[in-house]
Amino acid sequence: MVDSARLGRLKFRAWHRGTREADFMIGGFFDKHHAIWDEAQCDWFEALLEEDDVHVMAWAMNVEPAPERYEGPMMEAMRRLDYVHVHR
């Protein structure tokens, strides 16, 4: 089980990216998927949070190829974009 303090830090960083679009994409991904993550998946997400938002968003939208270190099931889940909810 992943430490709740770590998850709290990841959630904060996921939802405080600097732009509303990145918050919805990265924070929404966290909210939908974090409950099933193990330490390795948290490590992946934590590394992703160090990347520039413009790149993360381009990788998730499949506009730009993701670096090999991010390819795999987590990036595939991020590319589904079914976790982004439009708020009006």
N, C-alpha and C. Protein backbone atom coordinates (compact mmCIF):
# COMPACT_ATOMS: atom_id res chain seq x y z
N MET A 1 0.83 -1.19 0.00
CA MET A 1 0.00 0.00 0.00
C MET A 1 0.88 1.25 0.00
N VAL A 2 0.48 2.22 -0.78
CA VAL A 2 1.23 3.46 -0.91
C VAL A 2 0.90 4.37 0.27
N ASP A 3 1.93 5.00 0.79
CA ASP A 3 1.80 5.93 1.91
C ASP A 3 0.83 7.07 1.56
N SER A 4 -0.12 7.33 2.43
CA SER A 4 -1.12 8.37 2.17
C SER A 4 -0.50 9.76 2.08
N ALA A 5 0.58 10.00 2.82
CA ALA A 5 1.25 11.30 2.73
C ALA A 5 1.84 11.50 1.34
N ARG A 6 2.41 10.44 0.79
CA ARG A 6 2.96 10.53 -0.57
C ARG A 6 1.86 10.81 -1.57
N LEU A 7 0.75 10.10 -1.45
CA LEU A 7 -0.37 10.33 -2.35
C LEU A 7 -0.88 11.76 -2.23
N GLY A 8 -0.90 12.28 -1.02
CA GLY A 8 -1.33 13.67 -0.81
C GLY A 8 -0.42 14.65 -1.53
N ARG A 9 0.87 14.41 -1.46
CA ARG A 9 1.83 15.29 -2.17
C ARG A 9 1.64 15.18 -3.68
N LEU A 10 1.46 13.95 -4.16
CA LEU A 10 1.26 13.76 -5.60
C LEU A 10 -0.03 14.44 -6.06
N LYS A 11 -1.07 14.34 -5.27
CA LYS A 11 -2.34 14.98 -5.64
C LYS A 11 -2.17 16.49 -5.71
N PHE A 12 -1.52 17.06 -4.72
CA PHE A 12 -1.31 18.51 -4.73
C PHE A 12 -0.55 18.93 -5.97
N ARG A 13 0.54 18.24 -6.26
CA ARG A 13 1.35 18.59 -7.43
C ARG A 13 0.59 18.37 -8.73
N ALA A 14 -0.26 17.35 -8.77
CA ALA A 14 -1.04 17.06 -9.97
C ALA A 14 -2.06 18.15 -10.26
N TRP A 15 -2.62 18.72 -9.20
CA TRP A 15 -3.69 19.72 -9.35
C TRP A 15 -3.19 21.16 -9.31
N HIS A 16 -1.92 21.37 -9.14
CA HIS A 16 -1.36 22.73 -9.08
C HIS A 16 -0.24 22.86 -10.10
N ARG A 17 -0.59 22.73 -11.36
CA ARG A 17 0.39 22.72 -12.44
C ARG A 17 0.68 24.12 -12.97
N GLY A 18 -0.26 25.02 -12.86
CA GLY A 18 -0.04 26.37 -13.36
C GLY A 18 -1.02 26.80 -14.43
N THR A 19 -1.65 25.83 -15.08
CA THR A 19 -2.71 26.16 -16.04
C THR A 19 -3.91 25.26 -15.76
N ARG A 20 -5.05 25.79 -16.03
CA ARG A 20 -6.29 25.04 -15.80
C ARG A 20 -6.32 23.75 -16.63
N GLU A 21 -5.86 23.84 -17.88
CA GLU A 21 -5.87 22.68 -18.77
C GLU A 21 -4.99 21.56 -18.22
N ALA A 22 -3.80 21.91 -17.77
CA ALA A 22 -2.90 20.90 -17.21
C ALA A 22 -3.45 20.35 -15.91
N ASP A 23 -4.05 21.22 -15.09
CA ASP A 23 -4.66 20.74 -13.85
C ASP A 23 -5.71 19.68 -14.13
N PHE A 24 -6.60 19.95 -15.09
CA PHE A 24 -7.66 19.00 -15.40
C PHE A 24 -7.10 17.70 -15.96
N MET A 25 -6.10 17.81 -16.83
CA MET A 25 -5.56 16.61 -17.44
C MET A 25 -4.75 15.78 -16.44
N ILE A 26 -3.80 16.39 -15.78
CA ILE A 26 -2.90 15.66 -14.90
C ILE A 26 -3.58 15.35 -13.56
N GLY A 27 -4.30 16.33 -13.02
CA GLY A 27 -5.04 16.10 -11.77
C GLY A 27 -6.17 15.11 -11.95
N GLY A 28 -6.87 15.21 -13.08
CA GLY A 28 -7.95 14.27 -13.36
C GLY A 28 -7.44 12.85 -13.51
N PHE A 29 -6.29 12.70 -14.14
CA PHE A 29 -5.68 11.38 -14.27
C PHE A 29 -5.36 10.82 -12.89
N PHE A 30 -4.76 11.64 -12.05
CA PHE A 30 -4.46 11.21 -10.68
C PHE A 30 -5.72 10.76 -9.97
N ASP A 31 -6.74 11.61 -9.99
CA ASP A 31 -7.98 11.30 -9.26
C ASP A 31 -8.60 9.99 -9.71
N LYS A 32 -8.59 9.73 -10.99
CA LYS A 32 -9.24 8.52 -11.50
C LYS A 32 -8.44 7.25 -11.19
N HIS A 33 -7.11 7.34 -11.19
CA HIS A 33 -6.31 6.13 -11.16
C HIS A 33 -5.49 5.87 -9.90
N HIS A 34 -5.26 6.86 -9.07
CA HIS A 34 -4.28 6.69 -7.98
C HIS A 34 -4.64 5.59 -6.98
N ALA A 35 -5.90 5.30 -6.82
CA ALA A 35 -6.32 4.33 -5.79
C ALA A 35 -5.77 2.92 -6.03
N ILE A 36 -5.41 2.62 -7.27
CA ILE A 36 -4.90 1.28 -7.57
C ILE A 36 -3.39 1.24 -7.79
N TRP A 37 -2.73 2.38 -7.63
CA TRP A 37 -1.29 2.44 -7.89
C TRP A 37 -0.48 1.78 -6.80
N ASP A 38 0.61 1.16 -7.24
CA ASP A 38 1.62 0.65 -6.31
C ASP A 38 2.78 1.65 -6.29
N GLU A 39 3.85 1.32 -5.60
CA GLU A 39 4.99 2.23 -5.49
C GLU A 39 5.61 2.54 -6.85
N ALA A 40 5.73 1.53 -7.70
CA ALA A 40 6.33 1.74 -9.02
C ALA A 40 5.50 2.70 -9.87
N GLN A 41 4.19 2.57 -9.79
CA GLN A 41 3.32 3.47 -10.54
C GLN A 41 3.39 4.89 -9.97
N CYS A 42 3.50 5.00 -8.67
CA CYS A 42 3.68 6.32 -8.06
C CYS A 42 5.02 6.92 -8.49
N ASP A 43 6.06 6.10 -8.58
CA ASP A 43 7.36 6.56 -9.05
C ASP A 43 7.24 7.11 -10.47
N TRP A 44 6.52 6.38 -11.33
CA TRP A 44 6.31 6.81 -12.71
C TRP A 44 5.62 8.17 -12.74
N PHE A 45 4.54 8.29 -11.97
CA PHE A 45 3.77 9.54 -11.96
C PHE A 45 4.60 10.69 -11.38
N GLU A 46 5.35 10.41 -10.34
CA GLU A 46 6.18 11.44 -9.72
C GLU A 46 7.23 11.95 -10.72
N ALA A 47 7.82 11.05 -11.49
CA ALA A 47 8.78 11.46 -12.53
C ALA A 47 8.07 12.29 -13.60
N LEU A 48 6.87 11.88 -13.98
CA LEU A 48 6.11 12.62 -14.98
C LEU A 48 5.83 14.05 -14.52
N LEU A 49 5.58 14.21 -13.23
CA LEU A 49 5.31 15.54 -12.69
C LEU A 49 6.50 16.49 -12.81
N GLU A 50 7.67 15.94 -12.99
CA GLU A 50 8.87 16.77 -13.17
C GLU A 50 8.99 17.32 -14.58
N GLU A 51 8.22 16.77 -15.51
CA GLU A 51 8.28 17.19 -16.91
C GLU A 51 7.44 18.45 -17.11
N ASP A 52 7.75 19.17 -18.19
CA ASP A 52 6.98 20.36 -18.54
C ASP A 52 5.57 19.96 -18.96
N ASP A 53 4.60 20.74 -18.52
CA ASP A 53 3.20 20.44 -18.82
C ASP A 53 2.93 20.34 -20.32
N VAL A 54 3.55 21.21 -21.09
CA VAL A 54 3.30 21.19 -22.54
C VAL A 54 3.68 19.84 -23.13
N HIS A 55 4.74 19.22 -22.63
CA HIS A 55 5.13 17.91 -23.14
C HIS A 55 4.19 16.82 -22.64
N VAL A 56 3.87 16.85 -21.35
CA VAL A 56 2.97 15.84 -20.79
C VAL A 56 1.64 15.85 -21.53
N MET A 57 1.12 17.04 -21.77
CA MET A 57 -0.16 17.15 -22.47
C MET A 57 -0.03 16.65 -23.91
N ALA A 58 1.07 16.97 -24.58
CA ALA A 58 1.27 16.51 -25.95
C ALA A 58 1.39 14.99 -26.00
N TRP A 59 2.05 14.40 -25.00
CA TRP A 59 2.16 12.93 -24.95
C TRP A 59 0.79 12.31 -24.72
N ALA A 60 0.02 12.90 -23.81
CA ALA A 60 -1.30 12.35 -23.48
C ALA A 60 -2.25 12.47 -24.67
N MET A 61 -2.12 13.54 -25.45
CA MET A 61 -2.99 13.73 -26.61
C MET A 61 -2.42 13.05 -27.85
N ASN A 62 -1.26 12.39 -27.68
CA ASN A 62 -0.61 11.65 -28.77
C ASN A 62 -0.22 12.56 -29.93
N VAL A 63 0.10 13.80 -29.59
CA VAL A 63 0.55 14.77 -30.58
C VAL A 63 2.06 14.69 -30.73
N GLU A 64 2.71 14.27 -29.68
CA GLU A 64 4.16 14.15 -29.62
C GLU A 64 4.48 12.79 -29.01
N PRO A 65 5.47 12.07 -29.53
CA PRO A 65 5.80 10.78 -28.91
C PRO A 65 6.39 10.96 -27.52
N ALA A 66 5.96 10.13 -26.61
CA ALA A 66 6.49 10.17 -25.24
C ALA A 66 7.86 9.49 -25.21
N PRO A 67 8.74 9.96 -24.35
CA PRO A 67 10.01 9.25 -24.18
C PRO A 67 9.75 7.80 -23.76
N GLU A 68 10.63 6.94 -24.15
CA GLU A 68 10.50 5.50 -23.88
C GLU A 68 10.22 5.21 -22.40
N ARG A 69 10.84 5.98 -21.51
CA ARG A 69 10.67 5.72 -20.06
C ARG A 69 9.23 5.92 -19.59
N TYR A 70 8.42 6.64 -20.37
CA TYR A 70 7.03 6.85 -19.98
C TYR A 70 6.05 5.96 -20.74
N GLU A 71 6.50 5.30 -21.78
CA GLU A 71 5.59 4.44 -22.54
C GLU A 71 5.20 3.21 -21.71
N GLY A 72 4.00 2.73 -21.92
CA GLY A 72 3.51 1.55 -21.22
C GLY A 72 2.08 1.76 -20.77
N PRO A 73 1.61 0.92 -19.87
CA PRO A 73 0.21 0.95 -19.46
C PRO A 73 -0.24 2.28 -18.84
N MET A 74 0.63 2.94 -18.10
CA MET A 74 0.23 4.21 -17.48
C MET A 74 0.01 5.28 -18.56
N MET A 75 0.91 5.38 -19.53
CA MET A 75 0.73 6.36 -20.59
C MET A 75 -0.47 5.99 -21.45
N GLU A 76 -0.68 4.71 -21.69
CA GLU A 76 -1.87 4.29 -22.45
C GLU A 76 -3.14 4.74 -21.74
N ALA A 77 -3.18 4.60 -20.42
CA ALA A 77 -4.34 5.06 -19.65
C ALA A 77 -4.48 6.57 -19.72
N MET A 78 -3.36 7.27 -19.70
CA MET A 78 -3.40 8.72 -19.78
C MET A 78 -3.93 9.16 -21.15
N ARG A 79 -3.59 8.43 -22.19
CA ARG A 79 -4.02 8.80 -23.55
C ARG A 79 -5.51 8.58 -23.78
N ARG A 80 -6.16 7.82 -22.96
CA ARG A 80 -7.61 7.61 -23.13
C ARG A 80 -8.39 8.90 -22.90
N LEU A 81 -7.87 9.77 -22.05
CA LEU A 81 -8.48 11.07 -21.74
C LEU A 81 -9.91 10.95 -21.22
N ASP A 82 -10.32 9.78 -20.78
CA ASP A 82 -11.67 9.61 -20.26
C ASP A 82 -11.82 10.13 -18.83
N TYR A 83 -10.76 10.67 -18.30
CA TYR A 83 -10.77 11.18 -16.93
C TYR A 83 -10.87 12.69 -16.89
N VAL A 84 -10.88 13.35 -18.06
CA VAL A 84 -10.99 14.80 -18.13
C VAL A 84 -12.46 15.17 -18.23
N HIS A 85 -12.93 15.89 -17.24
CA HIS A 85 -14.33 16.32 -17.21
C HIS A 85 -14.40 17.81 -17.51
N VAL A 86 -15.26 18.16 -18.39
CA VAL A 86 -15.44 19.56 -18.76
C VAL A 86 -16.37 20.20 -17.73
N HIS A 87 -15.90 21.26 -17.12
CA HIS A 87 -16.70 22.01 -16.15
C HIS A 87 -17.16 23.29 -16.80
N ARG A 88 -18.44 23.50 -16.76
CA ARG A 88 -19.00 24.73 -17.38
C ARG A 88 -19.64 25.59 -16.35
